[in-house]
Protein backbone atom coordinates (compact mmCIF):
# COMPACT_ATOMS: atom_id res chain seq x y z
CA UNK A 1 -69.26 -90.82 -3.80
CA UNK A 2 -70.84 -86.88 -4.06
CA UNK A 3 -70.32 -85.24 -0.42
CA UNK A 4 -74.11 -84.70 -0.73
CA UNK A 5 -74.39 -88.58 -1.21
CA UNK A 6 -71.83 -89.32 1.56
CA UNK A 7 -73.75 -86.78 4.14
CA UNK A 8 -76.96 -88.80 3.21
CA UNK A 9 -75.27 -92.24 3.97
CA UNK A 10 -73.71 -90.49 7.51
CA UNK A 11 -77.40 -89.61 8.53
CA UNK A 12 -78.69 -93.21 7.72
CA UNK A 13 -75.85 -94.46 9.49
CA UNK A 14 -76.26 -92.30 12.42
CA UNK A 15 -79.91 -93.26 12.68
CA UNK A 16 -79.03 -96.78 12.57
CA UNK A 17 -76.64 -96.54 15.60
CA UNK A 18 -79.06 -94.20 17.52
CA UNK A 19 -82.08 -97.06 17.02
CA UNK A 20 -79.91 -99.50 17.82
CA UNK A 21 -78.72 -97.96 21.05
CA UNK A 22 -82.28 -96.97 22.23
CA UNK A 23 -83.62 -100.22 21.32
CA UNK A 24 -80.69 -102.30 23.73
CA UNK A 25 -79.89 -99.83 25.93
CA UNK A 26 -75.89 -99.62 24.99
CA UNK A 27 -73.54 -101.13 22.68
CA UNK A 28 -70.28 -101.51 22.22
CA UNK A 29 -68.12 -99.50 19.24
CA UNK A 30 -67.28 -102.93 17.74
CA UNK A 31 -71.23 -103.98 17.75
CA UNK A 32 -71.90 -100.82 16.15
CA UNK A 33 -69.14 -101.43 13.32
CA UNK A 34 -70.55 -104.71 12.43
CA UNK A 35 -74.19 -103.13 12.24
CA UNK A 36 -73.31 -100.44 10.02
CA UNK A 37 -70.97 -102.27 8.17
CA UNK A 38 -68.06 -99.76 8.35
CA UNK A 39 -64.79 -99.18 10.22
CA UNK A 40 -64.11 -98.88 13.78
CA UNK A 41 -62.79 -95.13 13.24
CA UNK A 42 -65.74 -94.29 11.42
CA UNK A 43 -68.06 -95.39 14.08
CA UNK A 44 -66.06 -93.57 16.69
CA UNK A 45 -66.43 -90.61 14.57
CA UNK A 46 -70.40 -90.79 14.32
CA UNK A 47 -70.23 -91.59 18.02
CA UNK A 48 -68.49 -88.51 18.72
CA UNK A 49 -70.73 -86.09 16.79
CA UNK A 50 -73.66 -87.78 18.17
CA UNK A 51 -72.37 -87.48 21.84
CA UNK A 52 -71.44 -83.76 20.84
CA UNK A 53 -75.31 -83.33 19.66
CA UNK A 54 -76.22 -84.70 22.89
CA UNK A 55 -78.08 -87.58 21.64
CA UNK A 56 -75.85 -90.28 23.30
CA UNK A 57 -73.27 -90.32 25.52
CA UNK A 58 -70.21 -92.18 26.05
CA UNK A 59 -68.73 -94.32 28.54
CA UNK A 60 -65.48 -96.73 28.59
CA UNK A 61 -66.08 -99.70 26.16
CA UNK A 62 -69.55 -98.02 24.60
CA UNK A 63 -72.25 -95.70 24.16
CA UNK A 64 -76.06 -95.69 25.92
CA UNK A 65 -78.85 -93.45 25.43
CA UNK A 66 -79.20 -90.15 27.14
CA UNK A 67 -81.71 -90.33 29.97
CA UNK A 68 -85.11 -90.24 28.23
CA UNK A 69 -85.78 -86.14 29.38
CA UNK A 70 -82.75 -85.05 27.23
CA UNK A 71 -83.00 -87.42 24.49
CA UNK A 72 -87.19 -87.17 23.59
CA UNK A 73 -85.53 -83.21 23.79
CA UNK A 74 -83.10 -83.29 21.57
CA UNK A 75 -83.61 -81.49 17.96
CA UNK A 76 -81.68 -84.23 16.00
CA UNK A 77 -83.55 -87.17 17.59
CA UNK A 78 -87.04 -85.49 16.88
CA UNK A 79 -86.21 -85.04 13.57
CA UNK A 80 -86.32 -88.51 12.87
CA UNK A 81 -89.31 -89.79 14.86
CA UNK A 82 -92.68 -90.51 12.99
CA UNK A 83 -91.86 -88.54 10.20
CA UNK A 84 -94.68 -89.52 7.99
CA UNK A 85 -97.14 -88.78 10.73
CA UNK A 86 -95.51 -85.13 10.98
CA UNK A 87 -95.76 -84.52 7.11
CA UNK A 88 -99.31 -85.79 6.91
CA UNK A 89 -99.87 -83.09 9.92
CA UNK A 90 -98.09 -80.16 8.03
CA UNK A 91 -100.54 -80.76 4.94
CA UNK A 92 -103.66 -80.74 7.04
CA UNK A 93 -102.42 -77.71 8.92
CA UNK A 94 -102.29 -75.70 5.62
CA UNK A 95 -106.06 -74.97 5.97
CA UNK A 96 -105.65 -72.87 8.61
CA UNK A 97 -103.16 -70.19 7.17
CA UNK A 98 -103.74 -67.91 4.12
CA UNK A 99 -102.02 -65.19 2.33
CA UNK A 100 -101.09 -62.21 4.26
CA UNK A 101 -101.45 -63.83 7.86
CA UNK A 102 -99.37 -63.67 10.57
CA UNK A 103 -98.23 -66.63 12.20
CA UNK A 104 -96.29 -68.04 14.93
CA UNK A 105 -94.36 -71.09 15.44
CA UNK A 106 -92.85 -73.20 18.16
CA UNK A 107 -89.39 -75.18 18.02
CA UNK A 108 -91.02 -78.44 17.35
CA UNK A 109 -90.10 -80.62 14.59
CA UNK A 110 -93.53 -81.56 13.71
CA UNK A 111 -94.19 -77.42 13.01
CA UNK A 112 -90.82 -77.57 11.28
CA UNK A 113 -92.69 -79.93 8.56
CA UNK A 114 -95.33 -76.82 8.28
CA UNK A 115 -92.52 -74.44 8.07
CA UNK A 116 -90.98 -76.36 5.29
CA UNK A 117 -94.63 -75.77 3.14
CA UNK A 118 -95.37 -72.63 4.17
CA UNK A 119 -92.62 -70.61 2.01
CA UNK A 120 -95.14 -71.37 -0.83
CA UNK A 121 -98.16 -69.44 0.74
CA UNK A 122 -97.24 -65.80 0.68
CA UNK A 123 -97.00 -63.07 1.91
CA UNK A 124 -97.01 -64.00 5.33
CA UNK A 125 -95.48 -62.72 7.85
CA UNK A 126 -93.52 -65.88 10.61
CA UNK A 127 -92.25 -65.48 13.85
CA UNK A 128 -90.38 -68.46 15.34
CA UNK A 129 -87.51 -69.29 17.75
CA UNK A 130 -86.47 -72.43 15.91
CA UNK A 131 -83.33 -71.69 14.15
CA UNK A 132 -84.18 -74.54 12.06
CA UNK A 133 -87.27 -73.10 10.86
CA UNK A 134 -85.55 -69.77 10.79
CA UNK A 135 -83.31 -71.31 8.09
CA UNK A 136 -86.42 -72.73 5.91
CA UNK A 137 -87.78 -69.10 5.69
CA UNK A 138 -84.41 -67.10 5.41
CA UNK A 139 -84.79 -67.21 1.36
CA UNK A 140 -88.22 -66.76 0.57
CA UNK A 141 -88.84 -63.32 -0.46
CA UNK A 142 -92.72 -63.38 0.39
CA UNK A 143 -91.98 -64.08 4.20
CA UNK A 144 -91.62 -61.35 6.86
CA UNK A 145 -89.38 -63.11 9.38
CA UNK A 146 -89.33 -62.40 12.87
CA UNK A 147 -86.58 -64.25 14.86
CA UNK A 148 -86.83 -64.56 18.31
CA UNK A 149 -84.01 -64.52 20.34
CA UNK A 150 -82.97 -65.36 23.97
CA UNK A 151 -80.70 -67.98 25.25
CA UNK A 152 -79.69 -70.49 22.63
CA UNK A 153 -80.05 -74.07 23.58
CA UNK A 154 -78.23 -76.59 21.45
CA UNK A 155 -80.18 -79.46 22.69
CA UNK A 156 -83.54 -77.71 20.93
CA UNK A 157 -81.39 -75.66 18.39
CA UNK A 158 -83.74 -73.19 19.37
CA UNK A 159 -84.24 -69.72 21.85
CA UNK A 160 -85.61 -69.97 24.77
CA UNK A 161 -85.32 -68.26 28.32
CA UNK A 162 -86.82 -65.19 29.25
CA UNK A 163 -85.44 -62.93 26.53
CA UNK A 164 -87.55 -65.01 24.20
CA UNK A 165 -90.68 -65.10 26.23
CA UNK A 166 -90.50 -61.18 26.48
CA UNK A 167 -89.91 -61.10 22.70
CA UNK A 168 -92.94 -63.22 22.23
CA UNK A 169 -95.11 -60.89 24.57
CA UNK A 170 -94.89 -57.74 22.43
CA UNK A 171 -96.59 -59.85 19.57
CA UNK A 172 -100.04 -60.26 18.55
CA UNK A 173 -100.58 -62.57 15.18
CA UNK A 174 -103.54 -64.43 13.76
CA UNK A 175 -102.33 -68.44 14.08
CA UNK A 176 -99.92 -70.28 16.12
CA UNK A 177 -98.76 -73.47 15.78
CA UNK A 178 -96.98 -75.83 18.25
CA UNK A 179 -96.67 -79.50 19.16
CA UNK A 180 -95.33 -80.71 22.81
CA UNK A 181 -94.30 -83.80 24.48
CA UNK A 182 -97.41 -85.59 25.56
CA UNK A 183 -101.28 -85.15 26.07
CA UNK A 184 -103.68 -87.14 27.92
CA UNK A 185 -107.72 -86.38 26.94
CA UNK A 186 -107.86 -83.29 29.17
CA UNK A 187 -104.04 -81.90 29.36
CA UNK A 188 -101.09 -81.36 27.84
CA UNK A 189 -97.27 -82.07 28.78
CA UNK A 190 -93.90 -81.26 28.09
CA UNK A 191 -90.48 -82.75 30.38
CA UNK A 192 -89.10 -79.22 30.33
CA UNK A 193 -90.04 -76.42 32.32
CA UNK A 194 -88.26 -73.57 30.47
CA UNK A 195 -90.02 -75.00 26.98
CA UNK A 196 -93.29 -74.97 28.76
CA UNK A 197 -92.80 -70.98 29.39
CA UNK A 198 -92.38 -70.84 26.38
CA UNK A 199 -94.85 -72.83 24.61
CA UNK A 200 -97.53 -70.72 27.31
CA UNK A 201 -96.10 -67.71 25.87
CA UNK A 202 -96.77 -68.36 22.52
CA UNK A 203 -100.01 -69.61 23.53
CA UNK A 204 -101.14 -65.99 24.64
CA UNK A 205 -99.45 -64.75 21.40
CA UNK A 206 -102.12 -65.92 18.88
CA UNK A 207 -106.22 -65.55 17.92
CA UNK A 208 -106.08 -68.90 16.75
CA UNK A 209 -104.29 -71.70 18.87
CA UNK A 210 -103.35 -74.91 16.78
CA UNK A 211 -101.65 -77.65 18.26
CA UNK A 212 -100.26 -80.79 15.87
CA UNK A 213 -99.56 -83.90 17.69
CA UNK A 214 -98.40 -87.47 16.24
CA UNK A 215 -99.99 -90.52 17.66
CA UNK A 216 -97.52 -91.34 19.52
CA UNK A 217 -97.89 -88.60 21.78
CA UNK A 218 -101.57 -88.98 23.02
CA UNK A 219 -102.43 -91.04 26.02
CA UNK A 220 -99.08 -90.00 27.83
CA UNK A 221 -97.90 -87.77 30.20
CA UNK A 222 -94.63 -85.90 31.01
CA UNK A 223 -93.27 -83.99 34.20
CA UNK A 224 -94.59 -80.86 33.46
CA UNK A 225 -98.40 -79.58 32.93
CA UNK A 226 -98.12 -77.14 30.14
CA UNK A 227 -102.00 -76.46 29.42
CA UNK A 228 -105.31 -77.77 29.13
CA UNK A 229 -106.67 -79.50 25.74
CA UNK A 230 -109.69 -77.10 25.89
CA UNK A 231 -107.22 -73.63 25.53
CA UNK A 232 -106.52 -75.04 21.72
CA UNK A 233 -108.87 -74.28 18.95
CA UNK A 234 -107.99 -77.18 17.08
CA UNK A 235 -106.22 -80.65 17.80
CA UNK A 236 -104.81 -82.22 14.68
CA UNK A 237 -103.75 -86.01 15.45
CA UNK A 238 -102.18 -88.43 13.06
CA UNK A 239 -101.54 -92.13 13.71
CA UNK A 240 -103.14 -94.51 15.74
CA UNK A 241 -104.65 -93.19 18.76
CA UNK A 242 -107.26 -95.19 21.29
CA UNK A 243 -110.80 -94.23 20.19
CA UNK A 244 -111.83 -93.80 23.86
CA UNK A 245 -109.36 -90.73 24.42
CA UNK A 246 -110.48 -89.02 20.93
CA UNK A 247 -113.87 -88.92 22.18
CA UNK A 248 -113.22 -87.43 25.50
CA UNK A 249 -110.86 -85.19 23.66
CA UNK A 250 -113.92 -84.23 21.09
CA UNK A 251 -115.66 -83.16 24.18
CA UNK A 252 -113.19 -80.50 25.04
CA UNK A 253 -111.78 -79.16 21.62
CA UNK A 254 -112.10 -79.58 17.78
CA UNK A 255 -110.01 -82.72 16.95
CA UNK A 256 -109.44 -83.40 13.27
CA UNK A 257 -108.16 -86.87 12.14
CA UNK A 258 -105.47 -86.79 9.76
CA UNK A 259 -104.77 -89.51 7.82
CA UNK A 260 -101.42 -91.02 7.24
CA UNK A 261 -100.60 -91.84 3.65
């Protein structure tokens, strides 16, 4: 098996482990070895890697999922959630980007899907605090890349904190794309106050404000209020959403339903 094939197999196996632990609350190493049809030693290596990334936590005899506020913030977890919806949202968001524009992106995996498409639309100026997005644009010759530094968060794989907010505050860009953890018909939310502060700075930095949300986030709340839905110029939604919520959202902003294929 090639190195790339081994990496793909490991990633698939670890997703299976995470899904099983989240669904059941906990699992023993022996259970996970049987589930993934690999040796106990291999499972322990997977567990150690997932614990190191902050996705799972180890206790005597097995593993459990991190508390939801930590788990939902993990970039590794978010990378594998609602993938089809995120890809559909990214394609739909391209309508707001044209060559020559300046764009600012948050550290959401939804917007990361858009970043992968923006490399083919140049020239652009792109600013972001998300390390994975920076990696996407690193070799893009038609993209002028502005990395927004600050305190590095391993959980989010991005830069946050006062330095990051100040860096964002010095910019004035054409369009901002972001996502967030939850949204009702009138308000958006996130479970971490530090991320809320960065997202608010992003809002103030751009003329056009676009929110990308998969249906699993709509009709929910989280610990901290972020900003009213009406502050966004456009809200793109992909996936199943209650029609009454969509109608109420439509009274506050431009709502665009995005089909998932």
